[in-house]
C-alpha atoms as a PDB file:
ATOM      1  CA  MET A   1      13.179  24.226   0.624  1.00  0.00           C
ATOM      2  CA  SER A   2      12.615  23.425   4.289  1.00  0.00           C
ATOM      3  CA  SER A   3      14.605  20.503   5.692  1.00  0.00           C
ATOM      4  CA  ARG A   4      12.572  20.145   8.875  1.00  0.00           C
ATOM      5  CA  THR A   5      11.617  16.606   9.813  1.00  0.00           C
ATOM      6  CA  ASP A   6       8.727  17.518  12.127  1.00  0.00           C
ATOM      7  CA  GLU A   7       6.468  18.229   9.170  1.00  0.00           C
ATOM      8  CA  VAL A   8       5.737  16.742   5.744  1.00  0.00           C
ATOM      9  CA  VAL A   9       7.459  18.829   3.079  1.00  0.00           C
ATOM     10  CA  PRO A  10       7.036  18.148  -0.672  1.00  0.00           C
ATOM     11  CA  VAL A  11      10.308  17.676  -2.520  1.00  0.00           C
ATOM     12  CA  ASP A  12       8.753  18.850  -5.799  1.00  0.00           C
ATOM     13  CA  GLU A  13       5.854  21.329  -5.659  1.00  0.00           C
ATOM     14  CA  GLY A  14       4.995  20.442  -9.248  1.00  0.00           C
ATOM     15  CA  GLU A  15       4.230  16.868  -8.204  1.00  0.00           C
ATOM     16  CA  ARG A  16       2.011  18.095  -5.388  1.00  0.00           C
ATOM     17  CA  ARG A  17       0.129  20.569  -7.604  1.00  0.00           C
ATOM     18  CA  ALA A  18      -0.419  17.945 -10.297  1.00  0.00           C
ATOM     19  CA  TRP A  19      -1.814  15.486  -7.757  1.00  0.00           C
ATOM     20  CA  ASP A  20      -4.150  18.105  -6.311  1.00  0.00           C
ATOM     21  CA  ALA A  21      -5.396  18.839  -9.842  1.00  0.00           C
ATOM     22  CA  GLY A  22      -5.968  15.137 -10.529  1.00  0.00           C
ATOM     23  CA  GLU A  23      -3.259  15.098 -13.193  1.00  0.00           C
ATOM     24  CA  LEU A  24      -0.013  13.241 -13.853  1.00  0.00           C
ATOM     25  CA  PRO A  25       3.171  15.313 -13.656  1.00  0.00           C
ATOM     26  CA  PRO A  26       5.858  14.753 -16.305  1.00  0.00           C
ATOM     27  CA  PRO A  27       8.629  12.240 -15.645  1.00  0.00           C
ATOM     28  CA  SER A  28      11.464  13.616 -13.518  1.00  0.00           C
ATOM     29  CA  ASP A  29      15.199  12.986 -13.678  1.00  0.00           C
ATOM     30  CA  LEU A  30      16.149  12.743  -9.995  1.00  0.00           C
ATOM     31  CA  GLY A  31      19.851  12.442 -10.715  1.00  0.00           C
ATOM     32  CA  ASP A  32      22.369   9.622 -10.434  1.00  0.00           C
ATOM     33  CA  GLY A  33      20.423   7.476 -12.880  1.00  0.00           C
ATOM     34  CA  LEU A  34      17.140   7.589 -10.951  1.00  0.00           C
ATOM     35  CA  TRP A  35      13.873   8.671 -12.576  1.00  0.00           C
ATOM     36  CA  CYS A  36      10.324   9.117 -11.303  1.00  0.00           C
ATOM     37  CA  ILE A  37       7.757   8.079 -13.927  1.00  0.00           C
ATOM     38  CA  PRO A  38       4.096   8.818 -13.080  1.00  0.00           C
ATOM     39  CA  VAL A  39       1.646   6.323 -14.619  1.00  0.00           C
ATOM     40  CA  ALA A  40      -2.144   6.425 -14.712  1.00  0.00           C
ATOM     41  CA  ILE A  41      -4.760   4.486 -12.768  1.00  0.00           C
ATOM     42  CA  PRO A  42      -7.802   3.966 -15.041  1.00  0.00           C
ATOM     43  CA  GLU A  43     -10.010   2.625 -12.232  1.00  0.00           C
ATOM     44  CA  GLY A  44     -11.060   4.421  -9.041  1.00  0.00           C
ATOM     45  CA  THR A  45     -10.426   7.963  -7.850  1.00  0.00           C
ATOM     46  CA  LEU A  46      -6.623   8.249  -7.680  1.00  0.00           C
ATOM     47  CA  PRO A  47      -4.965   9.820 -10.747  1.00  0.00           C
ATOM     48  CA  GLY A  48      -1.909   7.615 -10.777  1.00  0.00           C
ATOM     49  CA  THR A  49       1.082   5.817  -9.314  1.00  0.00           C
ATOM     50  CA  LEU A  50       4.671   6.970  -9.059  1.00  0.00           C
ATOM     51  CA  ALA A  51       6.900   4.377 -10.697  1.00  0.00           C
ATOM     52  CA  TYR A  52      10.666   4.645 -10.338  1.00  0.00           C
ATOM     53  CA  ALA A  53      13.415   3.666 -12.768  1.00  0.00           C
ATOM     54  CA  VAL A  54      17.038   2.934 -11.911  1.00  0.00           C
ATOM     55  CA  LEU A  55      19.229   3.309 -15.016  1.00  0.00           C
ATOM     56  CA  ASP A  56      22.653   1.687 -15.015  1.00  0.00           C
ATOM     57  CA  ASP A  57      25.104  -0.136 -17.246  1.00  0.00           C
ATOM     58  CA  ASP A  58      23.477  -3.490 -16.481  1.00  0.00           C
ATOM     59  CA  GLY A  59      20.051  -2.329 -17.650  1.00  0.00           C
ATOM     60  CA  VAL A  60      16.895  -0.592 -16.481  1.00  0.00           C
ATOM     61  CA  HIS A  61      15.359  -1.554 -13.149  1.00  0.00           C
ATOM     62  CA  LEU A  62      11.770  -0.527 -12.395  1.00  0.00           C
ATOM     63  CA  ILE A  63      10.078  -0.222  -9.011  1.00  0.00           C
ATOM     64  CA  ASP A  64       6.255  -0.522  -8.984  1.00  0.00           C
ATOM     65  CA  PRO A  65       5.685  -0.052 -12.739  1.00  0.00           C
ATOM     66  CA  GLY A  66       1.946   0.594 -12.359  1.00  0.00           C
ATOM     67  CA  TRP A  67      -1.389  -0.470 -13.806  1.00  0.00           C
ATOM     68  CA  ASP A  68      -1.313  -2.828 -16.765  1.00  0.00           C
ATOM     69  CA  GLY A  69      -2.197  -1.292 -20.122  1.00  0.00           C
ATOM     70  CA  THR A  70      -0.768  -0.023 -23.393  1.00  0.00           C
ATOM     71  CA  ALA A  71      -0.987   3.640 -22.360  1.00  0.00           C
ATOM     72  CA  ASN A  72       1.146   3.106 -19.268  1.00  0.00           C
ATOM     73  CA  LEU A  73       3.641   0.989 -21.178  1.00  0.00           C
ATOM     74  CA  THR A  74       3.935   3.862 -23.638  1.00  0.00           C
ATOM     75  CA  ARG A  75       4.445   6.356 -20.805  1.00  0.00           C
ATOM     76  CA  ILE A  76       7.331   4.314 -19.452  1.00  0.00           C
ATOM     77  CA  ALA A  77       8.802   3.810 -22.935  1.00  0.00           C
ATOM     78  CA  GLU A  78       8.683   7.558 -23.624  1.00  0.00           C
ATOM     79  CA  ALA A  79      10.285   8.403 -20.283  1.00  0.00           C
ATOM     80  CA  LEU A  80      13.060   5.892 -20.901  1.00  0.00           C
ATOM     81  CA  ALA A  81      13.568   7.265 -24.413  1.00  0.00           C
ATOM     82  CA  ALA A  82      14.066  10.736 -22.919  1.00  0.00           C
ATOM     83  CA  ALA A  83      16.868   9.203 -20.869  1.00  0.00           C
ATOM     84  CA  GLY A  84      18.334   7.433 -23.881  1.00  0.00           C
ATOM     85  CA  ARG A  85      17.081   3.981 -22.870  1.00  0.00           C
ATOM     86  CA  THR A  86      14.461   1.511 -24.155  1.00  0.00           C
ATOM     87  CA  LEU A  87      11.960  -1.020 -22.847  1.00  0.00           C
ATOM     88  CA  ASP A  88      14.182  -3.775 -24.245  1.00  0.00           C
ATOM     89  CA  GLU A  89      16.694  -2.909 -21.522  1.00  0.00           C
ATOM     90  CA  VAL A  90      14.326  -3.504 -18.599  1.00  0.00           C
ATOM     91  CA  ALA A  91      16.139  -6.141 -16.569  1.00  0.00           C
ATOM     92  CA  THR A  92      14.287  -6.050 -13.237  1.00  0.00           C
ATOM     93  CA  VAL A  93      10.822  -5.187 -11.983  1.00  0.00           C
ATOM     94  CA  VAL A  94      10.587  -4.878  -8.192  1.00  0.00           C
ATOM     95  CA  VAL A  95       7.142  -4.608  -6.608  1.00  0.00           C
ATOM     96  CA  THR A  96       6.434  -3.397  -3.081  1.00  0.00           C
ATOM     97  CA  HIS A  97       3.091  -5.241  -3.029  1.00  0.00           C
ATOM     98  CA  HIS A  98       0.638  -7.057  -5.268  1.00  0.00           C
ATOM     99  CA  HIS A  99      -2.085  -4.453  -5.880  1.00  0.00           C
ATOM    100  CA  PRO A 100      -2.805  -3.895  -9.589  1.00  0.00           C
ATOM    101  CA  ASP A 101      -1.687  -0.251  -9.571  1.00  0.00           C
ATOM    102  CA  HIS A 102       1.794  -1.428  -8.527  1.00  0.00           C
ATOM    103  CA  LEU A 103       2.259  -4.949  -9.883  1.00  0.00           C
ATOM    104  CA  GLY A 104       0.031  -4.619 -12.969  1.00  0.00           C
ATOM    105  CA  LEU A 105       2.594  -4.014 -15.743  1.00  0.00           C
ATOM    106  CA  ALA A 106       5.161  -6.468 -14.395  1.00  0.00           C
ATOM    107  CA  ALA A 107       4.110  -9.502 -16.442  1.00  0.00           C
ATOM    108  CA  ARG A 108       3.823  -7.477 -19.651  1.00  0.00           C
ATOM    109  CA  LEU A 109       7.305  -6.042 -19.128  1.00  0.00           C
ATOM    110  CA  ARG A 110       8.717  -9.514 -18.467  1.00  0.00           C
ATOM    111  CA  ALA A 111       7.144 -10.795 -21.667  1.00  0.00           C
ATOM    112  CA  HIS A 112       8.649  -7.883 -23.594  1.00  0.00           C
ATOM    113  CA  SER A 113      12.213  -7.827 -22.283  1.00  0.00           C
ATOM    114  CA  GLY A 114      12.700 -10.964 -20.207  1.00  0.00           C
ATOM    115  CA  ALA A 115      12.914  -8.900 -17.011  1.00  0.00           C
ATOM    116  CA  ARG A 116      12.964 -10.726 -13.679  1.00  0.00           C
ATOM    117  CA  ILE A 117      10.080  -9.924 -11.305  1.00  0.00           C
ATOM    118  CA  VAL A 118      11.023  -9.474  -7.646  1.00  0.00           C
ATOM    119  CA  MET A 119       8.481  -9.760  -4.814  1.00  0.00           C
ATOM    120  CA  SER A 120       8.648 -10.638  -1.130  1.00  0.00           C
ATOM    121  CA  ALA A 121       7.933 -14.258  -0.279  1.00  0.00           C
ATOM    122  CA  ASP A 122       5.220 -13.167   2.159  1.00  0.00           C
ATOM    123  CA  GLU A 123       3.581 -11.068  -0.537  1.00  0.00           C
ATOM    124  CA  ARG A 124       3.624 -13.978  -2.953  1.00  0.00           C
ATOM    125  CA  ARG A 125       1.711 -15.999  -0.372  1.00  0.00           C
ATOM    126  CA  ALA A 126      -0.721 -13.116   0.146  1.00  0.00           C
ATOM    127  CA  LEU A 127      -1.273 -12.851  -3.611  1.00  0.00           C
ATOM    128  CA  ALA A 128      -1.883 -16.593  -3.867  1.00  0.00           C
ATOM    129  CA  ALA A 129      -4.557 -16.301  -1.184  1.00  0.00           C
ATOM    130  CA  VAL A 130      -6.196 -13.332  -2.915  1.00  0.00           C
ATOM    131  CA  VAL A 131      -6.466 -15.052  -6.318  1.00  0.00           C
ATOM    132  CA  ASP A 132      -7.595 -18.372  -4.831  1.00  0.00           C
ATOM    133  CA  PRO A 133     -11.237 -18.987  -5.826  1.00  0.00           C
ATOM    134  CA  ALA A 134     -12.044 -19.486  -2.149  1.00  0.00           C
ATOM    135  CA  ALA A 135     -11.331 -15.784  -1.584  1.00  0.00           C
ATOM    136  CA  THR A 136     -14.333 -14.845  -3.711  1.00  0.00           C
ATOM    137  CA  ASP A 137     -16.700 -17.582  -2.546  1.00  0.00           C
ATOM    138  CA  PRO A 138     -20.026 -15.794  -1.946  1.00  0.00           C
ATOM    139  CA  GLU A 139     -21.140 -18.426   0.550  1.00  0.00           C
ATOM    140  CA  ALA A 140     -18.061 -17.866   2.673  1.00  0.00           C
ATOM    141  CA  TYR A 141     -18.685 -14.129   2.589  1.00  0.00           C
ATOM    142  CA  ARG A 142     -22.332 -14.697   3.454  1.00  0.00           C
ATOM    143  CA  ALA A 143     -21.135 -16.518   6.571  1.00  0.00           C
ATOM    144  CA  THR A 144     -18.837 -13.595   7.415  1.00  0.00           C
ATOM    145  CA  VAL A 145     -21.687 -11.103   7.067  1.00  0.00           C
ATOM    146  CA  GLU A 146     -23.814 -13.251   9.360  1.00  0.00           C
ATOM    147  CA  GLN A 147     -20.970 -13.511  11.882  1.00  0.00           C
ATOM    148  CA  TRP A 148     -20.611  -9.726  11.830  1.00  0.00           C
ATOM    149  CA  GLY A 149     -24.259  -9.519  12.893  1.00  0.00           C
ATOM    150  CA  VAL A 150     -25.406  -7.532   9.865  1.00  0.00           C
ATOM    151  CA  PRO A 151     -29.218  -7.153   9.865  1.00  0.00           C
ATOM    152  CA  HIS A 152     -30.971  -9.161   7.155  1.00  0.00           C
ATOM    153  CA  ASP A 153     -32.159  -6.060   5.304  1.00  0.00           C
ATOM    154  CA  ARG A 154     -28.536  -4.837   4.812  1.00  0.00           C
ATOM    155  CA  ARG A 155     -26.933  -8.067   3.652  1.00  0.00           C
ATOM    156  CA  ALA A 156     -27.886  -7.918  -0.030  1.00  0.00           C
ATOM    157  CA  GLU A 157     -25.932  -4.702  -0.668  1.00  0.00           C
ATOM    158  CA  LEU A 158     -22.823  -6.180   0.949  1.00  0.00           C
ATOM    159  CA  LEU A 159     -23.074  -9.354  -1.111  1.00  0.00           C
ATOM    160  CA  ALA A 160     -23.518  -7.268  -4.276  1.00  0.00           C
ATOM    161  CA  SER A 161     -20.369  -5.258  -3.571  1.00  0.00           C
ATOM    162  CA  PHE A 162     -18.433  -8.421  -2.723  1.00  0.00           C
ATOM    163  CA  THR A 163     -19.176 -10.075  -6.073  1.00  0.00           C
ATOM    164  CA  ARG A 164     -17.561  -7.291  -8.120  1.00  0.00           C
ATOM    165  CA  PRO A 165     -14.873  -8.690 -10.467  1.00  0.00           C
ATOM    166  CA  SER A 166     -11.402  -8.729  -8.935  1.00  0.00           C
ATOM    167  CA  LEU A 167      -8.798  -6.455 -10.521  1.00  0.00           C
ATOM    168  CA  THR A 168      -5.899  -8.506  -9.149  1.00  0.00           C
ATOM    169  CA  GLY A 169      -4.207 -10.997 -11.458  1.00  0.00           C
ATOM    170  CA  ASP A 170      -1.854 -13.803 -10.523  1.00  0.00           C
ATOM    171  CA  VAL A 171       1.842 -13.323 -11.265  1.00  0.00           C
ATOM    172  CA  GLN A 172       4.612 -15.771 -10.443  1.00  0.00           C
ATOM    173  CA  PRO A 173       7.763 -13.837  -9.445  1.00  0.00           C
ATOM    174  CA  ASP A 174      11.236 -14.918 -10.525  1.00  0.00           C
ATOM    175  CA  VAL A 175      12.951 -13.819  -7.316  1.00  0.00           C
ATOM    176  CA  LEU A 176      11.575 -13.950  -3.774  1.00  0.00           C
ATOM    177  CA  VAL A 177      13.077 -11.707  -1.104  1.00  0.00           C
ATOM    178  CA  ALA A 178      12.745 -11.299   2.651  1.00  0.00           C
ATOM    179  CA  ASP A 179      13.430  -8.673   5.283  1.00  0.00           C
ATOM    180  CA  GLY A 180      17.075  -7.604   5.301  1.00  0.00           C
ATOM    181  CA  ASP A 181      17.892  -8.866   1.816  1.00  0.00           C
ATOM    182  CA  VAL A 182      19.789  -6.456  -0.427  1.00  0.00           C
ATOM    183  CA  LEU A 183      18.890  -5.956  -4.077  1.00  0.00           C
ATOM    184  CA  GLU A 184      21.755  -4.847  -6.287  1.00  0.00           C
ATOM    185  CA  LEU A 185      20.283  -2.770  -9.091  1.00  0.00           C
ATOM    186  CA  GLY A 186      23.280  -1.542 -10.986  1.00  0.00           C
ATOM    187  CA  ALA A 187      25.378   0.418  -8.518  1.00  0.00           C
ATOM    188  CA  ARG A 188      22.422   0.907  -6.165  1.00  0.00           C
ATOM    189  CA  ARG A 189      21.941  -1.354  -3.189  1.00  0.00           C
ATOM    190  CA  LEU A 190      18.355  -1.424  -1.948  1.00  0.00           C
ATOM    191  CA  GLU A 191      17.706  -3.029   1.416  1.00  0.00           C
ATOM    192  CA  VAL A 192      14.374  -4.840   1.774  1.00  0.00           C
ATOM    193  CA  VAL A 193      12.442  -3.680   4.846  1.00  0.00           C
ATOM    194  CA  ALA A 194       9.394  -5.826   5.651  1.00  0.00           C
ATOM    195  CA  THR A 195       6.406  -3.564   6.340  1.00  0.00           C
ATOM    196  CA  PRO A 196       3.246  -5.711   6.469  1.00  0.00           C
ATOM    197  CA  GLY A 197      -0.092  -4.092   7.203  1.00  0.00           C
ATOM    198  CA  HIS A 198      -1.440  -2.602   3.989  1.00  0.00           C
ATOM    199  CA  THR A 199      -0.931  -6.104   2.582  1.00  0.00           C
ATOM    200  CA  GLY A 200       0.523  -9.166   4.246  1.00  0.00           C
ATOM    201  CA  GLY A 201       3.922  -8.972   2.569  1.00  0.00           C
ATOM    202  CA  HIS A 202       4.375  -5.300   1.710  1.00  0.00           C
ATOM    203  CA  VAL A 203       7.992  -4.118   1.668  1.00  0.00           C
ATOM    204  CA  CYS A 204       9.811  -0.805   1.577  1.00  0.00           C
ATOM    205  CA  LEU A 205      13.220  -0.386  -0.065  1.00  0.00           C
ATOM    206  CA  ALA A 206      15.997   1.619   1.572  1.00  0.00           C
ATOM    207  CA  ASP A 207      18.905   3.116  -0.326  1.00  0.00           C
ATOM    208  CA  ARG A 208      21.205   3.881   2.605  1.00  0.00           C
ATOM    209  CA  ALA A 209      23.946   5.416   0.470  1.00  0.00           C
ATOM    210  CA  ALA A 210      21.617   7.937  -1.174  1.00  0.00           C
ATOM    211  CA  ARG A 211      19.362   8.277   1.907  1.00  0.00           C
ATOM    212  CA  LEU A 212      16.248   7.418  -0.055  1.00  0.00           C
ATOM    213  CA  LEU A 213      13.285   5.268   1.037  1.00  0.00           C
ATOM    214  CA  PHE A 214      10.808   3.771  -1.444  1.00  0.00           C
ATOM    215  CA  THR A 215       7.622   3.252   0.583  1.00  0.00           C
ATOM    216  CA  GLY A 216       5.005   1.900  -1.848  1.00  0.00           C
ATOM    217  CA  ASP A 217       1.653   2.391  -0.118  1.00  0.00           C
ATOM    218  CA  HIS A 218       2.961   1.922   3.424  1.00  0.00           C
ATOM    219  CA  VAL A 219       3.610   5.632   3.974  1.00  0.00           C
ATOM    220  CA  LEU A 220       2.039   8.283   1.739  1.00  0.00           C
ATOM    221  CA  PRO A 221       2.371  12.026   2.433  1.00  0.00           C
ATOM    222  CA  ARG A 222      -1.335  12.723   3.041  1.00  0.00           C
ATOM    223  CA  ILE A 223      -3.409   9.659   2.177  1.00  0.00           C
ATOM    224  CA  TYR A 224      -4.096   7.039   4.846  1.00  0.00           C
ATOM    225  CA  SER A 225      -3.745   3.757   2.980  1.00  0.00           C
ATOM    226  CA  GLY A 226      -6.161   0.956   3.696  1.00  0.00           C
ATOM    227  CA  VAL A 227      -5.182  -1.814   6.085  1.00  0.00           C
ATOM    228  CA  GLY A 228      -5.337  -5.542   5.433  1.00  0.00           C
ATOM    229  CA  ILE A 229      -6.134  -5.299   1.715  1.00  0.00           C
ATOM    230  CA  GLY A 230      -4.677  -8.698   0.921  1.00  0.00           C
ATOM    231  CA  VAL A 231      -3.644 -10.741   3.951  1.00  0.00           C
ATOM    232  CA  GLN A 232      -3.510 -14.368   4.985  1.00  0.00           C
ATOM    233  CA  PRO A 233      -5.656 -16.084   7.620  1.00  0.00           C
ATOM    234  CA  GLY A 234      -4.211 -15.497  11.058  1.00  0.00           C
ATOM    235  CA  ASP A 235      -2.597 -12.158  10.190  1.00  0.00           C
ATOM    236  CA  GLU A 236      -3.256  -9.190  12.452  1.00  0.00           C
ATOM    237  CA  PRO A 237      -2.840  -6.416   9.875  1.00  0.00           C
ATOM    238  CA  LEU A 238      -3.508  -3.410  12.103  1.00  0.00           C
ATOM    239  CA  GLY A 239      -0.965  -4.421  14.717  1.00  0.00           C
ATOM    240  CA  ASP A 240       1.447  -5.310  11.924  1.00  0.00           C
ATOM    241  CA  LEU A 241       0.957  -1.878  10.354  1.00  0.00           C
ATOM    242  CA  LEU A 242       1.695  -0.049  13.605  1.00  0.00           C
ATOM    243  CA  SER A 243       4.808  -2.139  14.192  1.00  0.00           C
ATOM    244  CA  SER A 244       5.894  -1.585  10.581  1.00  0.00           C
ATOM    245  CA  LEU A 245       5.621   2.184  10.993  1.00  0.00           C
ATOM    246  CA  GLU A 246       7.994   1.985  13.946  1.00  0.00           C
ATOM    247  CA  ARG A 247      10.421  -0.124  11.918  1.00  0.00           C
ATOM    248  CA  LEU A 248      11.025   2.866   9.634  1.00  0.00           C
ATOM    249  CA  ALA A 249      12.377   5.094  12.430  1.00  0.00           C
ATOM    250  CA  PRO A 250      16.016   4.610  11.324  1.00  0.00           C
ATOM    251  CA  PHE A 251      15.098   6.272   8.030  1.00  0.00           C
ATOM    252  CA  ASP A 252      13.373   9.377   9.405  1.00  0.00           C
ATOM    253  CA  GLU A 253      15.959  11.712   7.846  1.00  0.00           C
ATOM    254  CA  TYR A 254      15.637  10.123   4.389  1.00  0.00           C
ATOM    255  CA  THR A 255      13.782  11.495   1.382  1.00  0.00           C
ATOM    256  CA  VAL A 256      10.620   9.427   0.885  1.00  0.00           C
ATOM    257  CA  LEU A 257       9.666   8.149  -2.563  1.00  0.00           C
ATOM    258  CA  PRO A 258       6.070   6.915  -2.138  1.00  0.00           C
ATOM    259  CA  GLY A 259       3.783   5.101  -4.529  1.00  0.00           C
ATOM    260  CA  HIS A 260       1.293   7.977  -4.812  1.00  0.00           C
ATOM    261  CA  GLU A 261       0.976  11.740  -4.402  1.00  0.00           C
ATOM    262  CA  PHE A 262       4.483  13.287  -4.209  1.00  0.00           C
ATOM    263  CA  ARG A 263       7.997  12.781  -2.873  1.00  0.00           C
ATOM    264  CA  PHE A 264       8.567  14.313   0.544  1.00  0.00           C
ATOM    265  CA  THR A 265      10.664  14.711   3.667  1.00  0.00           C
ATOM    266  CA  GLY A 266       9.361  14.509   7.230  1.00  0.00           C
ATOM    267  CA  LEU A 267       8.949  10.754   7.590  1.00  0.00           C
ATOM    268  CA  ARG A 268       8.826  10.827  11.376  1.00  0.00           C
ATOM    269  CA  ALA A 269       5.932  13.286  11.425  1.00  0.00           C
ATOM    270  CA  ARG A 270       4.040  11.273   8.836  1.00  0.00           C
ATOM    271  CA  ARG A 271       4.606   7.957  10.606  1.00  0.00           C
ATOM    272  CA  GLU A 272       3.280   9.419  13.833  1.00  0.00           C
ATOM    273  CA  ARG A 273       0.203  10.878  12.155  1.00  0.00           C
ATOM    274  CA  ILE A 274      -0.656   7.611  10.442  1.00  0.00           C
ATOM    275  CA  ALA A 275      -0.347   5.721  13.730  1.00  0.00           C
ATOM    276  CA  ALA A 276      -2.454   8.322  15.561  1.00  0.00           C
ATOM    277  CA  HIS A 277      -5.093   8.166  12.818  1.00  0.00           C
ATOM    278  CA  HIS A 278      -5.585   4.431  13.293  1.00  0.00           C
ATOM    279  CA  LEU A 279      -5.262   4.485  17.063  1.00  0.00           C
ATOM    280  CA  ARG A 280      -8.116   6.986  17.426  1.00  0.00           C
ATOM    281  CA  ARG A 281     -10.498   4.272  16.260  1.00  0.00           C
ATOM    282  CA  THR A 282      -8.721   1.616  18.301  1.00  0.00           C
ATOM    283  CA  ALA A 283      -9.270   3.792  21.379  1.00  0.00           C
ATOM    284  CA  GLU A 284     -12.956   4.146  20.485  1.00  0.00           C
ATOM    285  CA  VAL A 285     -13.319   0.373  20.273  1.00  0.00           C
ATOM    286  CA  ALA A 286     -11.377  -0.163  23.500  1.00  0.00           C
ATOM    287  CA  ALA A 287     -13.685   2.269  25.303  1.00  0.00           C
ATOM    288  CA  LEU A 288     -16.717   0.225  24.214  1.00  0.00           C
ATOM    289  CA  VAL A 289     -15.405  -3.183  25.271  1.00  0.00           C
ATOM    290  CA  GLU A 290     -16.541  -2.937  28.874  1.00  0.00           C
ATOM    291  CA  GLU A 291     -20.068  -2.058  27.752  1.00  0.00           C
ATOM    292  CA  LEU A 292     -20.415  -4.251  24.649  1.00  0.00           C
ATOM    293  CA  GLY A 293     -18.155  -7.192  25.517  1.00  0.00           C
ATOM    294  CA  ASP A 294     -18.678  -9.946  22.943  1.00  0.00           C
ATOM    295  CA  ALA A 295     -21.283  -8.025  20.942  1.00  0.00           C
ATOM    296  CA  THR A 296     -21.160  -8.330  17.161  1.00  0.00           C
ATOM    297  CA  VAL A 297     -18.963  -6.281  14.882  1.00  0.00           C
ATOM    298  CA  TRP A 298     -22.134  -4.531  13.673  1.00  0.00           C
ATOM    299  CA  GLU A 299     -22.962  -3.361  17.195  1.00  0.00           C
ATOM    300  CA  TYR A 300     -19.468  -1.963  17.654  1.00  0.00           C
ATOM    301  CA  ALA A 301     -19.363  -0.332  14.203  1.00  0.00           C
ATOM    302  CA  ARG A 302     -22.618   1.553  14.583  1.00  0.00           C
ATOM    303  CA  ARG A 303     -21.318   3.149  17.779  1.00  0.00           C
ATOM    304  CA  LEU A 304     -18.106   4.464  16.184  1.00  0.00           C
ATOM    305  CA  THR A 305     -17.395   7.785  14.495  1.00  0.00           C
ATOM    306  CA  TRP A 306     -17.398   7.671  10.677  1.00  0.00           C
ATOM    307  CA  THR A 307     -16.571  10.524   8.306  1.00  0.00           C
ATOM    308  CA  ALA A 308     -19.738   9.997   6.267  1.00  0.00           C
ATOM    309  CA  GLY A 309     -21.776   9.174   9.365  1.00  0.00           C
ATOM    310  CA  TRP A 310     -22.907   5.638  10.149  1.00  0.00           C
ATOM    311  CA  HIS A 311     -26.154   6.034   8.210  1.00  0.00           C
ATOM    312  CA  GLY A 312     -24.240   7.327   5.193  1.00  0.00           C
ATOM    313  CA  LEU A 313     -22.361   4.054   4.705  1.00  0.00           C
ATOM    314  CA  ASP A 314     -23.560   1.523   2.152  1.00  0.00           C
ATOM    315  CA  GLY A 315     -22.221  -1.156  -0.182  1.00  0.00           C
ATOM    316  CA  PHE A 316     -18.448  -1.325  -0.318  1.00  0.00           C
ATOM    317  CA  TRP A 317     -18.061   1.498   2.210  1.00  0.00           C
ATOM    318  CA  LEU A 318     -20.214  -0.360   4.708  1.00  0.00           C
ATOM    319  CA  HIS A 319     -18.107  -3.478   4.157  1.00  0.00           C
ATOM    320  CA  SER A 320     -14.949  -1.418   4.699  1.00  0.00           C
ATOM    321  CA  ALA A 321     -16.306   0.045   7.952  1.00  0.00           C
ATOM    322  CA  LEU A 322     -17.208  -3.396   9.272  1.00  0.00           C
ATOM    323  CA  ARG A 323     -13.846  -4.866   8.302  1.00  0.00           C
ATOM    324  CA  GLN A 324     -12.022  -1.951   9.950  1.00  0.00           C
ATOM    325  CA  THR A 325     -14.071  -2.385  13.095  1.00  0.00           C
ATOM    326  CA  GLU A 326     -13.237  -6.087  13.149  1.00  0.00           C
ATOM    327  CA  MET A 327      -9.495  -5.352  12.856  1.00  0.00           C
ATOM    328  CA  HIS A 328      -9.572  -2.772  15.644  1.00  0.00           C
ATOM    329  CA  ARG A 329     -11.529  -5.118  17.880  1.00  0.00           C
ATOM    330  CA  GLU A 330      -9.063  -7.931  17.153  1.00  0.00           C
ATOM    331  CA  LEU A 331      -6.172  -5.648  18.085  1.00  0.00           C
ATOM    332  CA  VAL A 332      -7.845  -4.737  21.384  1.00  0.00           C
ATOM    333  CA  ARG A 333      -8.699  -8.346  22.193  1.00  0.00           C
ATOM    334  CA  SER A 334      -5.152  -9.516  21.449  1.00  0.00           C
ATOM    335  CA  GLY A 335      -3.774  -7.148  24.074  1.00  0.00           C
ATOM    336  CA  ARG A 336      -1.371  -5.585  21.575  1.00  0.00           C
ATOM    337  CA  ALA A 337      -3.343  -2.332  21.473  1.00  0.00           C
ATOM    338  CA  GLN A 338      -2.259  -1.405  24.983  1.00  0.00           C
ATOM    339  CA  GLN A 339       1.373  -0.920  24.017  1.00  0.00           C
ATOM    340  CA  TRP A 340       0.353   1.934  21.724  1.00  0.00           C
ATOM    341  CA  LEU A 341      -2.672   3.320  23.548  1.00  0.00           C
ATOM    342  CA  THR A 342      -0.792   3.730  26.836  1.00  0.00           C
ATOM    343  CA  ARG A 343       2.553   4.852  25.410  1.00  0.00           C
ATOM    344  CA  ASP A 344       1.982   8.565  25.985  1.00  0.00           C
ATOM    345  CA  ALA A 345      -0.395   8.185  28.922  1.00  0.00           C
END
């Protein structure tokens, strides 16, 4: 297997092939008491999440156990049984962020075994904001749509997509952590690395001894995760994401254990591609500022390049395009964009 770090290289071709086929690979024994346990996502287009289990004398410690449901609980139980362990031994559930395909099973596992749930303090605050009834107030969203300058004949579809039931449930963690804290899971010591952007309190976990980095949704081998999907007022998620990518530079030689797709090496190359992906749109927005000035988000968005074409966007995808445009415009207006846009000039 190639060890180059200037390209993304799958650690396990079976994981990559399974993902490409829309299937879940079997659980994998990664050695030294570490297992990868793929679990399914019943909603949306992604086949599943990669959960990780640390097995030690003090119990079983899970990282991002996946979507809540009996089938996924069974998958984890069967994988643990193959390793000679049981669900009753689950002592810790660590979550990188609050999205239901990562946090979902945590409460059920705690109810079953008494496991402690670990989450960053910033992510707990982000989750509280997401589940607050004010976050789904249609009148507040109506005001946002108006502020964006959306034409009257396009507002109904946005409001319809906004009122879809939320899939995120509230969970009160037992342990709150912050950047630089170290989690002792058996003999493993996982350093908490704050990586906000995808959500307001997302974290990665670095095992310096084993040279492993658990990245949740912050860095995936091919997918570009969404930005600002659960943040607090006043956050600047795009700038935070770009800064968070740079924070992972010390781990560029590590093997990456992401939340989706497949394990890989080549973190530096992937970090740079993710940053370049987002900065292409930032540059587009920056180029329009002189012409459009304080024009509405709608006016900016319709002038940008979209994969499906501007006229092909509707409903949720239109909302996403407008929200992305708003974040890029905020980054440009804040002045922070210049540090990235001019770096290689």
